[in-house]
Amino acid sequence: MTEKILILDFGSQYTQLIARAVREANVYCEIIPYHKKVEIDPSLKGIILSGSPFSVNDPNAPEVDVQALHQQLPVLGVCYGAQLTAKQFGGQVAKSNKREYGRALMHKQTDDVLLKDVMDQSQVWMSHSDSVLQMPDGFNVLATTDSIPFAAFKKNGAANANPLYCVQFHPEVYHSVEGKKIIKNFLVNICGCQQSWTPAHFITDTVNALKKQIGNRKVIMAMSGGVDSTVAATLIHRAIGNNLYGIFVDNGVLRKNEFEQVLDIYKTIGLNVKGVNAKQMFYDQLAGKTDPEAKRKTIGRLFIEVFQQEAKSFEGVELLGQGTIYPDVIESVSVHGPSVTIKSHHNVGGLPDIMHLELVEPLRFLFKDEVRRVGAELGIPADLLNRHPFPGPGLAIRILGEITPEKVQLLQEADHRYVQGLKEHKLYDQVWQAGAILLPVKSVGVMGDERTYEFTVALRAVTSVDGMTADWAHLPYEFLAHISTDIINNVRGINRVVYDISSKPPATIEWE
């Protein structure tokens, strides 16, 4: 049985980072909303209480019974979790004189196991407006900072009692320099985790689970050429072989030569995938549409129609495979309910309901970086695993305004030269995502002795960890100059290239 840690989410923006830190220590964990009942079973080794945007003194502050949890398992309270613990055990928590936000130096007061091998004066990251002003009886201070007398503390107890630890900083964020060491100490030295959750272990467990779930039934799956669907399909194929039927639809807004190249990769790795050329149908339905959401919905609707039609050629299919990953799952069961829709989701949203098929989602508990590690263990080519994210509506949302086959061809060529240039100059792996955007703007140019009146292309490249926030990539001027010249000289119809230097937020990674 896989050992696990449970993270109770009180709505912190950093909760996923706690999970990532636990997983990086090769320990499996799950995030659940604080109000969901905790199921105690032999695999559960400990509980982490997350931060929160709330104050523990708010009338509607989220709460759990920390004492009841602590009686059954080791507990680590982080920021809000620490303050909630202090308050419930009789301590005093109140607003600080000033909001404590940013870097601080932690002064160790003891060599407790939680801080084993952590330096004195180690940098930690604060983000809270409340502070523990008075420690509960029976607790010991483990560390302070210049502004906080109780930066880390623990409950004293009998030798056989479950440990209860609290930190008022965020060990999970990048700016807490030795934070992951603190989390690992909790996992290994306090909870006794064996650190056995590896990609190979995940593959073995998942393939066995898929065999049990699927049996002799058939699975159909929409393939996109992306990392998630490819890794998910490979796992399902390991379990049931050619009882998995993949469908890869060319919607007319893929990257240059992508349809043929992806089908070749699928063939190489042994997947049973049918390619469907539906370009003209998509172009016909997109004609005249300029609103981004209308374009997204048109592409989503048509995809479902094409997929359903193709699915009829496979008899007796009962299950639908999907490459759903953990951030999608977490958002759908978040503390405050699903997030406000910023733009319609580009995954195959409506398929399960419309087709009345049982879902098979082998990646639903993995983060993106973990999906790539599993893919590498499965032997999937690095070129596919390390591809930048690409939106479901494809180039349709990188062509501002109406979609035409001519505009698609223009953008495909410009985007291809840009991406190939990044690869040739060893810059591709340094950015999270890159692409070209065709603007609905024409400007005057001069080529030879002739005036031109042609389109403008914007180049976009961002650095990011998870796509939630992103900074524009500081690509070398020499490279940008080279790409600009290459595109203008070789892509007839484009006479101006600009570079987008907006970060997310406030801008999004895509333009539509």
Protein backbone atom coordinates (compact mmCIF):
# COMPACT_ATOMS: atom_id res chain seq x y z
CA MET A 1 0.00 0.00 0.00
CA THR A 2 1.41 3.41 -1.01
CA GLU A 3 2.09 5.59 2.02
CA LYS A 4 0.67 9.09 1.82
CA ILE A 5 0.48 12.51 3.42
CA LEU A 6 -2.77 14.48 3.46
CA ILE A 7 -2.73 18.26 2.94
CA LEU A 8 -5.80 20.09 4.25
CA ASP A 9 -6.36 23.15 2.09
CA PHE A 10 -7.63 26.35 3.73
CA GLY A 11 -7.47 28.28 0.45
CA SER A 12 -3.81 29.31 0.32
CA GLN A 13 -2.30 30.28 -3.04
CA TYR A 14 0.70 28.13 -2.03
CA THR A 15 -1.08 24.84 -1.23
CA GLN A 16 -0.03 23.20 -4.51
CA LEU A 17 3.57 24.12 -3.72
CA ILE A 18 3.36 22.12 -0.46
CA ALA A 19 2.20 19.12 -2.46
CA ARG A 20 4.99 19.56 -4.99
CA ALA A 21 7.60 19.72 -2.19
CA VAL A 22 6.22 16.51 -0.66
CA ARG A 23 6.20 14.74 -4.03
CA GLU A 24 9.77 15.89 -4.75
CA ALA A 25 10.77 14.03 -1.59
CA ASN A 26 9.30 10.88 -3.23
CA VAL A 27 6.34 10.77 -0.87
CA TYR A 28 2.81 10.56 -2.27
CA CYS A 29 0.33 13.17 -1.05
CA GLU A 30 -3.16 14.42 -1.76
CA ILE A 31 -4.83 17.80 -1.24
CA ILE A 32 -8.38 17.91 0.10
CA PRO A 33 -10.54 20.90 1.17
CA TYR A 34 -10.39 21.47 4.93
CA HIS A 35 -14.11 20.69 5.28
CA LYS A 36 -13.86 17.20 3.76
CA LYS A 37 -13.85 14.32 6.26
CA VAL A 38 -10.37 12.89 6.82
CA GLU A 39 -10.37 9.13 6.24
CA ILE A 40 -7.76 7.59 8.52
CA ASP A 41 -6.22 4.42 7.08
CA PRO A 42 -2.91 2.57 7.56
CA SER A 43 -1.33 4.25 4.52
CA LEU A 44 -1.79 7.75 5.98
CA LYS A 45 1.44 8.87 7.67
CA GLY A 46 0.76 12.50 8.55
CA ILE A 47 -1.25 15.67 7.91
CA ILE A 48 -0.16 19.14 6.82
CA LEU A 49 -2.43 22.15 7.44
CA SER A 50 -2.02 24.80 4.73
CA GLY A 51 -1.98 28.57 4.85
CA SER A 52 -5.07 30.67 4.13
CA PRO A 53 -6.12 34.18 3.07
CA PHE A 54 -8.37 34.23 6.18
CA SER A 55 -7.59 35.35 9.71
CA VAL A 56 -8.21 32.72 12.40
CA ASN A 57 -10.26 35.41 14.19
CA ASP A 58 -12.64 35.99 11.26
CA PRO A 59 -16.24 35.01 12.10
CA ASN A 60 -16.30 32.61 9.13
CA ALA A 61 -12.71 31.41 9.45
CA PRO A 62 -12.22 27.85 8.14
CA GLU A 63 -11.56 25.37 10.95
CA VAL A 64 -10.71 21.75 11.62
CA ASP A 65 -10.32 20.01 14.95
CA VAL A 66 -6.52 20.03 15.17
CA GLN A 67 -6.51 18.21 18.50
CA ALA A 68 -8.54 15.31 17.08
CA LEU A 69 -6.20 15.00 14.09
CA HIS A 70 -3.11 15.20 16.30
CA GLN A 71 -4.38 12.37 18.47
CA GLN A 72 -4.27 10.09 15.43
CA LEU A 73 -1.32 11.30 13.33
CA PRO A 74 1.69 13.65 13.22
CA VAL A 75 0.58 17.16 12.15
CA LEU A 76 2.45 20.13 10.66
CA GLY A 77 0.66 23.50 10.65
CA VAL A 78 1.91 26.03 8.09
CA CYS A 79 1.19 29.75 8.62
CA TYR A 80 -2.62 29.79 9.06
CA GLY A 81 -2.40 26.14 10.11
CA ALA A 82 0.08 27.15 12.82
CA GLN A 83 -2.09 30.03 14.03
CA LEU A 84 -5.22 27.86 14.06
CA THR A 85 -3.34 25.29 16.15
CA ALA A 86 -2.10 27.92 18.60
CA LYS A 87 -5.59 29.38 19.02
CA GLN A 88 -7.31 26.00 19.52
CA PHE A 89 -4.78 24.97 22.16
CA GLY A 90 -5.31 28.18 24.16
CA GLY A 91 -2.72 30.54 22.74
CA GLN A 92 -3.36 34.12 21.63
CA VAL A 93 -3.45 35.07 17.94
CA ALA A 94 -4.05 38.67 16.87
CA LYS A 95 -3.32 41.14 14.11
CA SER A 96 0.33 42.11 13.90
CA ASN A 97 1.28 45.78 14.14
CA LYS A 98 2.27 45.45 10.49
CA ARG A 99 1.62 42.82 7.85
CA GLU A 100 4.61 40.47 7.84
CA TYR A 101 5.44 39.77 4.22
CA GLY A 102 8.68 38.84 2.54
CA ARG A 103 12.08 37.49 3.52
CA ALA A 104 13.16 36.98 7.13
CA LEU A 105 16.06 35.23 8.85
CA MET A 106 15.18 32.34 11.14
CA HIS A 107 17.10 32.00 14.42
CA LYS A 108 17.16 28.40 15.68
CA GLN A 109 16.55 28.02 19.40
CA THR A 110 17.05 24.24 19.49
CA ASP A 111 18.35 21.33 17.42
CA ASP A 112 14.92 19.77 17.11
CA VAL A 113 14.49 17.08 14.45
CA LEU A 114 12.23 19.37 12.34
CA LEU A 115 15.18 21.74 11.81
CA LYS A 116 17.83 19.02 11.44
CA ASP A 117 20.64 20.17 9.10
CA VAL A 118 18.98 23.59 8.66
CA MET A 119 21.40 26.49 9.15
CA ASP A 120 20.95 29.10 11.79
CA GLN A 121 19.92 32.40 10.13
CA SER A 122 18.33 30.46 7.26
CA GLN A 123 16.14 32.66 5.04
CA VAL A 124 12.37 32.01 5.23
CA TRP A 125 9.36 33.62 3.55
CA MET A 126 6.60 35.31 5.58
CA SER A 127 3.10 36.06 4.30
CA HIS A 128 0.60 36.77 7.08
CA SER A 129 -1.20 39.61 8.84
CA ASP A 130 -1.92 37.68 12.08
CA SER A 131 0.73 36.49 14.49
CA VAL A 132 0.89 34.21 17.54
CA LEU A 133 1.34 36.64 20.43
CA GLN A 134 1.16 34.11 23.26
CA MET A 135 2.20 30.46 23.02
CA PRO A 136 -0.26 27.84 24.32
CA ASP A 137 0.72 26.00 27.46
CA GLY A 138 2.74 22.87 26.76
CA PHE A 139 4.41 24.18 23.58
CA ASN A 140 8.11 24.87 22.99
CA VAL A 141 9.67 27.53 20.75
CA LEU A 142 11.95 26.05 18.08
CA ALA A 143 12.86 29.21 16.14
CA THR A 144 12.33 32.96 16.05
CA THR A 145 12.88 35.80 13.59
CA ASP A 146 13.65 39.44 14.29
CA SER A 147 9.94 40.28 14.14
CA ILE A 148 8.32 37.02 15.32
CA PRO A 149 9.05 35.39 18.68
CA PHE A 150 7.36 32.13 17.63
CA ALA A 151 8.45 31.37 14.05
CA ALA A 152 8.43 27.60 14.69
CA PHE A 153 7.10 25.70 17.70
CA LYS A 154 5.97 22.23 18.79
CA LYS A 155 3.72 20.63 21.37
CA ASN A 156 5.41 18.78 24.18
CA GLY A 157 4.01 15.34 24.88
CA ALA A 158 4.64 11.86 26.12
CA ALA A 159 7.28 9.84 24.30
CA ASN A 160 4.65 7.85 22.39
CA ALA A 161 2.41 10.86 21.55
CA ASN A 162 2.02 11.99 17.94
CA PRO A 163 4.20 15.02 17.15
CA LEU A 164 2.50 18.39 16.51
CA TYR A 165 4.65 21.02 14.77
CA CYS A 166 3.93 24.55 13.58
CA VAL A 167 5.77 27.11 11.43
CA GLN A 168 4.53 30.66 10.84
CA PHE A 169 6.49 30.99 7.59
CA HIS A 170 5.99 29.21 4.24
CA PRO A 171 8.63 26.46 3.86
CA GLU A 172 7.09 25.41 0.53
CA VAL A 173 8.00 28.55 -1.45
CA TYR A 174 11.20 29.13 -3.37
CA HIS A 175 12.27 32.05 -1.13
CA SER A 176 12.44 29.80 1.96
CA VAL A 177 15.92 28.62 1.05
CA GLU A 178 15.93 25.44 3.18
CA GLY A 179 12.17 25.05 3.36
CA LYS A 180 12.09 21.79 1.45
CA LYS A 181 14.62 20.38 3.90
CA ILE A 182 12.20 21.25 6.74
CA ILE A 183 9.31 19.55 4.92
CA LYS A 184 11.49 16.51 4.24
CA ASN A 185 12.44 16.35 7.94
CA PHE A 186 8.75 16.27 8.80
CA LEU A 187 8.06 13.54 6.25
CA VAL A 188 11.03 11.28 6.98
CA ASN A 189 12.17 11.93 10.55
CA ILE A 190 8.78 12.67 12.09
CA CYS A 191 6.21 10.75 9.98
CA GLY A 192 8.57 7.88 9.12
CA CYS A 193 7.90 7.98 5.36
CA GLN A 194 10.04 5.62 3.27
CA GLN A 195 10.33 7.92 0.21
CA SER A 196 9.43 5.07 -2.12
CA TRP A 197 7.07 6.95 -4.47
CA THR A 198 9.06 7.13 -7.72
CA PRO A 199 8.05 7.25 -11.42
CA ALA A 200 8.78 3.52 -11.76
CA HIS A 201 6.67 2.79 -8.67
CA PHE A 202 3.85 4.96 -10.04
CA ILE A 203 3.91 3.14 -13.41
CA THR A 204 3.72 -0.31 -11.81
CA ASP A 205 0.87 0.68 -9.48
CA THR A 206 -1.04 2.55 -12.19
CA VAL A 207 -0.81 -0.18 -14.84
CA ASN A 208 -2.06 -2.75 -12.29
CA ALA A 209 -4.92 -0.43 -11.29
CA LEU A 210 -5.83 0.16 -14.95
CA LYS A 211 -5.94 -3.58 -15.63
CA LYS A 212 -8.40 -3.99 -12.74
CA GLN A 213 -10.54 -1.00 -13.80
CA ILE A 214 -10.68 -1.81 -17.52
CA GLY A 215 -10.50 -5.59 -17.71
CA ASN A 216 -11.29 -6.73 -21.26
CA ARG A 217 -13.23 -3.59 -22.16
CA LYS A 218 -12.25 -1.12 -24.87
CA VAL A 219 -11.08 2.47 -24.30
CA ILE A 220 -11.33 5.35 -26.76
CA MET A 221 -9.21 8.45 -26.34
CA ALA A 222 -8.81 11.87 -27.94
CA MET A 223 -5.13 12.49 -28.61
CA SER A 224 -3.67 15.97 -28.93
CA GLY A 225 0.04 15.38 -29.48
CA GLY A 226 0.66 16.91 -26.07
CA VAL A 227 2.51 15.48 -23.09
CA ASP A 228 -0.51 14.64 -20.93
CA SER A 229 -2.58 12.71 -23.47
CA THR A 230 0.49 10.86 -24.78
CA VAL A 231 1.67 9.72 -21.34
CA ALA A 232 -1.88 8.78 -20.30
CA ALA A 233 -2.36 6.78 -23.51
CA THR A 234 0.98 5.01 -23.07
CA LEU A 235 0.02 3.91 -19.54
CA ILE A 236 -3.38 2.66 -20.73
CA HIS A 237 -1.70 0.87 -23.66
CA ARG A 238 0.68 -0.84 -21.21
CA ALA A 239 -2.38 -2.18 -19.41
CA ILE A 240 -4.67 -3.21 -22.30
CA GLY A 241 -2.63 -3.10 -25.53
CA ASN A 242 -4.60 -2.48 -28.70
CA ASN A 243 -7.91 -2.34 -26.86
CA LEU A 244 -7.05 1.37 -26.66
CA TYR A 245 -8.19 3.34 -29.72
CA GLY A 246 -6.81 6.84 -30.14
CA ILE A 247 -8.20 9.57 -32.40
CA PHE A 248 -6.06 12.57 -33.40
CA VAL A 249 -8.01 15.31 -35.18
CA ASP A 250 -6.39 17.87 -37.46
CA ASN A 251 -8.51 20.95 -36.73
CA GLY A 252 -6.62 23.12 -39.21
CA VAL A 253 -4.95 25.25 -36.53
CA LEU A 254 -2.10 22.94 -35.50
CA ARG A 255 1.54 23.96 -35.87
CA LYS A 256 3.39 23.41 -39.15
CA ASN A 257 3.62 19.70 -40.07
CA GLU A 258 2.37 18.78 -36.59
CA PHE A 259 -0.34 16.37 -37.75
CA GLU A 260 2.09 14.15 -39.68
CA GLN A 261 4.91 14.39 -37.13
CA VAL A 262 2.72 13.44 -34.16
CA LEU A 263 1.19 10.49 -35.98
CA ASP A 264 4.73 9.27 -36.77
CA ILE A 265 5.68 9.50 -33.06
CA TYR A 266 2.56 7.59 -32.02
CA LYS A 267 3.42 4.87 -34.54
CA THR A 268 7.01 4.70 -33.23
CA ILE A 269 5.91 4.19 -29.62
CA GLY A 270 3.32 1.61 -30.63
CA LEU A 271 0.07 3.47 -29.98
CA ASN A 272 -3.02 2.59 -31.98
CA VAL A 273 -4.06 6.07 -33.22
CA LYS A 274 -6.24 7.11 -36.16
CA GLY A 275 -5.56 10.51 -37.74
CA VAL A 276 -8.57 12.49 -38.99
CA ASN A 277 -8.15 15.42 -41.40
CA ALA A 278 -11.05 17.77 -40.59
CA LYS A 279 -9.36 21.07 -41.51
CA GLN A 280 -11.93 22.27 -44.01
CA MET A 281 -14.86 21.67 -41.67
CA PHE A 282 -13.18 23.82 -39.00
CA TYR A 283 -12.30 26.58 -41.48
CA ASP A 284 -15.89 26.68 -42.77
CA GLN A 285 -17.35 26.99 -39.25
CA LEU A 286 -14.77 29.55 -38.09
CA ALA A 287 -15.36 31.86 -41.07
CA GLY A 288 -16.55 35.28 -39.97
CA LYS A 289 -15.96 34.67 -36.24
CA THR A 290 -13.70 37.20 -34.48
CA ASP A 291 -14.68 36.89 -30.80
CA PRO A 292 -12.10 34.73 -28.93
CA GLU A 293 -14.69 32.86 -26.89
CA ALA A 294 -16.80 32.18 -30.00
CA LYS A 295 -13.73 30.71 -31.69
CA ARG A 296 -12.92 28.54 -28.68
CA LYS A 297 -16.48 27.24 -28.41
CA THR A 298 -16.71 26.55 -32.13
CA ILE A 299 -13.52 24.51 -32.06
CA GLY A 300 -14.63 22.64 -28.92
CA ARG A 301 -18.07 21.86 -30.36
CA LEU A 302 -16.70 20.72 -33.72
CA PHE A 303 -14.07 18.57 -32.05
CA ILE A 304 -16.76 16.74 -30.08
CA GLU A 305 -18.83 16.25 -33.26
CA VAL A 306 -15.85 14.85 -35.20
CA PHE A 307 -14.75 12.67 -32.28
CA GLN A 308 -18.27 11.26 -31.79
CA GLN A 309 -18.58 10.50 -35.50
CA GLU A 310 -15.22 8.72 -35.61
CA ALA A 311 -15.95 6.84 -32.39
CA LYS A 312 -18.87 5.09 -34.10
CA SER A 313 -16.39 3.09 -36.17
CA PHE A 314 -15.14 1.37 -33.00
CA GLU A 315 -17.74 -1.07 -31.70
CA GLY A 316 -18.24 -1.93 -28.06
CA VAL A 317 -16.30 0.98 -26.54
CA GLU A 318 -17.31 1.59 -22.91
CA LEU A 319 -14.57 3.85 -21.54
CA LEU A 320 -13.06 7.24 -22.37
CA GLY A 321 -9.39 7.89 -21.64
CA GLN A 322 -8.34 11.41 -20.65
CA GLY A 323 -5.08 13.14 -19.75
CA THR A 324 -6.55 15.06 -16.78
CA ILE A 325 -3.78 16.13 -14.37
CA TYR A 326 -3.86 17.08 -10.69
CA PRO A 327 -4.15 20.89 -10.93
CA ASP A 328 -7.43 20.41 -12.87
CA VAL A 329 -8.73 18.06 -10.18
CA ILE A 330 -7.70 20.37 -7.31
CA GLU A 331 -9.42 23.37 -8.91
CA SER A 332 -12.67 21.47 -9.34
CA VAL A 333 -12.81 20.67 -5.60
CA SER A 334 -11.22 23.85 -4.26
CA VAL A 335 -12.03 25.40 -0.90
CA HIS A 336 -14.23 28.07 -2.44
CA GLY A 337 -15.65 25.99 -5.30
CA PRO A 338 -14.49 26.11 -8.91
CA SER A 339 -12.62 29.22 -9.96
CA VAL A 340 -14.29 31.98 -11.92
CA THR A 341 -14.14 31.24 -15.64
CA ILE A 342 -11.50 33.44 -17.25
CA LYS A 343 -11.78 31.56 -20.53
CA SER A 344 -13.46 28.30 -21.43
CA HIS A 345 -11.32 25.24 -20.74
CA HIS A 346 -9.56 23.79 -23.74
CA ASN A 347 -9.64 20.17 -22.62
CA VAL A 348 -12.22 17.74 -24.01
CA GLY A 349 -14.83 19.12 -21.65
CA GLY A 350 -18.19 17.81 -22.79
CA LEU A 351 -17.23 14.34 -24.01
CA PRO A 352 -17.96 12.16 -20.95
CA ASP A 353 -21.48 13.56 -20.43
CA ILE A 354 -22.43 13.43 -24.11
CA MET A 355 -21.04 9.97 -24.79
CA HIS A 356 -22.08 8.38 -21.48
CA LEU A 357 -18.70 6.71 -21.07
CA GLU A 358 -16.86 5.81 -17.89
CA LEU A 359 -13.68 7.86 -17.48
CA VAL A 360 -10.14 6.47 -17.31
CA GLU A 361 -7.75 9.14 -15.98
CA PRO A 362 -4.36 7.62 -15.06
CA LEU A 363 -2.69 11.01 -14.47
CA ARG A 364 -5.32 12.67 -12.31
CA PHE A 365 -3.00 12.79 -9.27
CA LEU A 366 0.16 14.00 -11.04
CA PHE A 367 1.59 17.49 -11.56
CA LYS A 368 2.93 18.45 -14.99
CA ASP A 369 6.59 17.94 -14.08
CA GLU A 370 5.73 14.49 -12.67
CA VAL A 371 3.93 13.59 -15.91
CA ARG A 372 7.16 14.35 -17.79
CA ARG A 373 9.21 12.21 -15.40
CA VAL A 374 6.78 9.30 -15.80
CA GLY A 375 6.90 9.78 -19.58
CA ALA A 376 10.70 9.58 -19.52
CA GLU A 377 10.50 6.37 -17.48
CA LEU A 378 8.07 5.00 -20.10
CA GLY A 379 10.58 5.74 -22.86
CA ILE A 380 8.56 8.42 -24.64
CA PRO A 381 10.85 10.53 -26.90
CA ALA A 382 12.27 13.64 -25.20
CA ASP A 383 11.19 15.84 -28.13
CA LEU A 384 7.56 15.16 -27.30
CA LEU A 385 7.95 15.19 -23.50
CA ASN A 386 9.72 18.54 -23.49
CA ARG A 387 7.39 20.30 -25.89
CA HIS A 388 6.03 23.62 -24.74
CA PRO A 389 2.35 23.71 -23.72
CA PHE A 390 0.08 24.42 -26.68
CA PRO A 391 -3.53 25.64 -26.31
CA GLY A 392 -6.38 23.33 -27.31
CA PRO A 393 -7.81 25.89 -29.78
CA GLY A 394 -4.31 26.03 -31.26
CA LEU A 395 -3.36 28.85 -33.60
CA ALA A 396 -7.00 30.02 -33.67
CA ILE A 397 -6.34 32.05 -30.52
CA ARG A 398 -2.96 33.22 -31.82
CA ILE A 399 -4.62 34.72 -34.90
CA LEU A 400 -6.43 37.77 -33.62
CA GLY A 401 -9.63 38.29 -35.57
CA GLU A 402 -11.07 36.04 -38.26
CA ILE A 403 -9.43 32.70 -39.13
CA THR A 404 -8.64 31.98 -42.76
CA PRO A 405 -6.49 29.21 -44.27
CA GLU A 406 -4.14 31.90 -45.65
CA LYS A 407 -3.62 33.45 -42.20
CA VAL A 408 -3.07 30.02 -40.67
CA GLN A 409 -0.38 29.26 -43.24
CA LEU A 410 1.30 32.63 -42.57
CA LEU A 411 1.38 32.04 -38.83
CA GLN A 412 2.45 28.40 -39.11
CA GLU A 413 5.49 29.45 -41.12
CA ALA A 414 6.42 32.36 -38.82
CA ASP A 415 5.88 30.24 -35.68
CA HIS A 416 7.93 27.38 -37.15
CA ARG A 417 10.90 29.66 -37.85
CA TYR A 418 10.66 31.14 -34.35
CA VAL A 419 10.49 27.78 -32.53
CA GLN A 420 13.21 26.20 -34.69
CA GLY A 421 15.38 29.25 -34.02
CA LEU A 422 14.91 28.82 -30.26
CA LYS A 423 15.99 25.18 -30.56
CA GLU A 424 19.01 25.93 -32.76
CA HIS A 425 20.21 28.67 -30.38
CA LYS A 426 19.70 26.38 -27.31
CA LEU A 427 17.01 28.66 -25.90
CA TYR A 428 13.95 26.42 -26.26
CA ASP A 429 14.42 24.56 -22.96
CA GLN A 430 15.05 27.83 -21.10
CA VAL A 431 11.49 29.05 -21.65
CA TRP A 432 8.17 27.60 -20.49
CA GLN A 433 6.22 28.49 -23.61
CA ALA A 434 6.87 30.34 -26.86
CA GLY A 435 4.83 31.13 -29.93
CA ALA A 436 4.03 33.70 -32.58
CA ILE A 437 0.80 35.73 -32.73
CA LEU A 438 -0.61 37.15 -35.97
CA LEU A 439 -2.04 40.60 -35.31
CA PRO A 440 -5.01 42.08 -37.21
CA VAL A 441 -2.75 45.01 -38.07
CA LYS A 442 -1.10 45.89 -41.36
CA SER A 443 1.65 48.46 -41.61
CA VAL A 444 3.76 50.11 -44.29
CA GLY A 445 7.15 48.65 -45.03
CA VAL A 446 9.84 48.90 -47.69
CA MET A 447 11.37 45.89 -49.42
CA GLY A 448 13.83 46.73 -52.17
CA ASP A 449 12.33 49.67 -54.02
CA GLU A 450 8.75 48.65 -53.26
CA ARG A 451 6.39 49.75 -50.53
CA THR A 452 4.62 46.89 -48.75
CA TYR A 453 1.46 46.84 -46.68
CA GLU A 454 1.56 43.58 -44.73
CA PHE A 455 0.82 41.90 -41.41
CA THR A 456 2.59 42.22 -38.06
CA VAL A 457 3.65 39.22 -35.99
CA ALA A 458 4.23 39.40 -32.22
CA LEU A 459 6.65 36.93 -30.66
CA ARG A 460 5.88 35.68 -27.15
CA ALA A 461 8.15 33.73 -24.80
CA VAL A 462 7.65 33.30 -21.05
CA THR A 463 9.42 31.65 -18.14
CA SER A 464 7.29 29.90 -15.52
CA VAL A 465 7.16 26.96 -13.13
CA ASP A 466 3.51 25.96 -13.55
CA GLY A 467 1.90 28.48 -15.89
CA MET A 468 -0.05 30.13 -13.04
CA THR A 469 2.30 33.10 -13.12
CA ALA A 470 4.86 33.89 -15.80
CA ASP A 471 7.54 36.43 -16.64
CA TRP A 472 8.50 37.43 -20.16
CA ALA A 473 11.66 35.68 -21.23
CA HIS A 474 14.69 37.95 -21.62
CA LEU A 475 15.83 36.52 -24.94
CA PRO A 476 19.09 37.94 -26.33
CA TYR A 477 18.71 40.95 -28.64
CA GLU A 478 20.94 39.23 -31.20
CA PHE A 479 18.57 36.27 -31.34
CA LEU A 480 15.47 38.47 -31.68
CA ALA A 481 17.16 40.43 -34.47
CA HIS A 482 18.04 37.17 -36.26
CA ILE A 483 14.47 35.80 -36.01
CA SER A 484 12.90 39.09 -37.08
CA THR A 485 15.05 39.16 -40.22
CA ASP A 486 14.40 35.47 -40.91
CA ILE A 487 10.62 35.86 -40.71
CA ILE A 488 10.39 39.10 -42.70
CA ASN A 489 12.71 37.81 -45.45
CA ASN A 490 11.06 34.41 -45.80
CA VAL A 491 7.37 34.73 -44.91
CA ARG A 492 5.67 36.73 -47.66
CA GLY A 493 2.84 38.72 -46.08
CA ILE A 494 4.66 39.73 -42.89
CA ASN A 495 6.79 42.88 -42.83
CA ARG A 496 7.02 43.69 -39.10
CA VAL A 497 7.97 41.68 -35.99
CA VAL A 498 7.49 42.85 -32.37
CA TYR A 499 8.33 41.16 -29.04
CA ASP A 500 5.84 40.96 -26.15
CA ILE A 501 7.38 42.01 -22.81
CA SER A 502 4.26 41.57 -20.63
CA SER A 503 4.22 39.32 -17.57
CA LYS A 504 1.35 37.24 -16.12
CA PRO A 505 -0.37 38.81 -14.29
CA PRO A 506 -1.63 41.20 -15.53
CA ALA A 507 -1.32 39.81 -19.07
CA THR A 508 -2.11 36.19 -19.90
CA ILE A 509 0.35 33.94 -21.73
CA GLU A 510 -1.93 33.66 -24.76
CA TRP A 511 -3.34 36.80 -26.40
CA GLU A 512 -6.90 35.46 -26.59
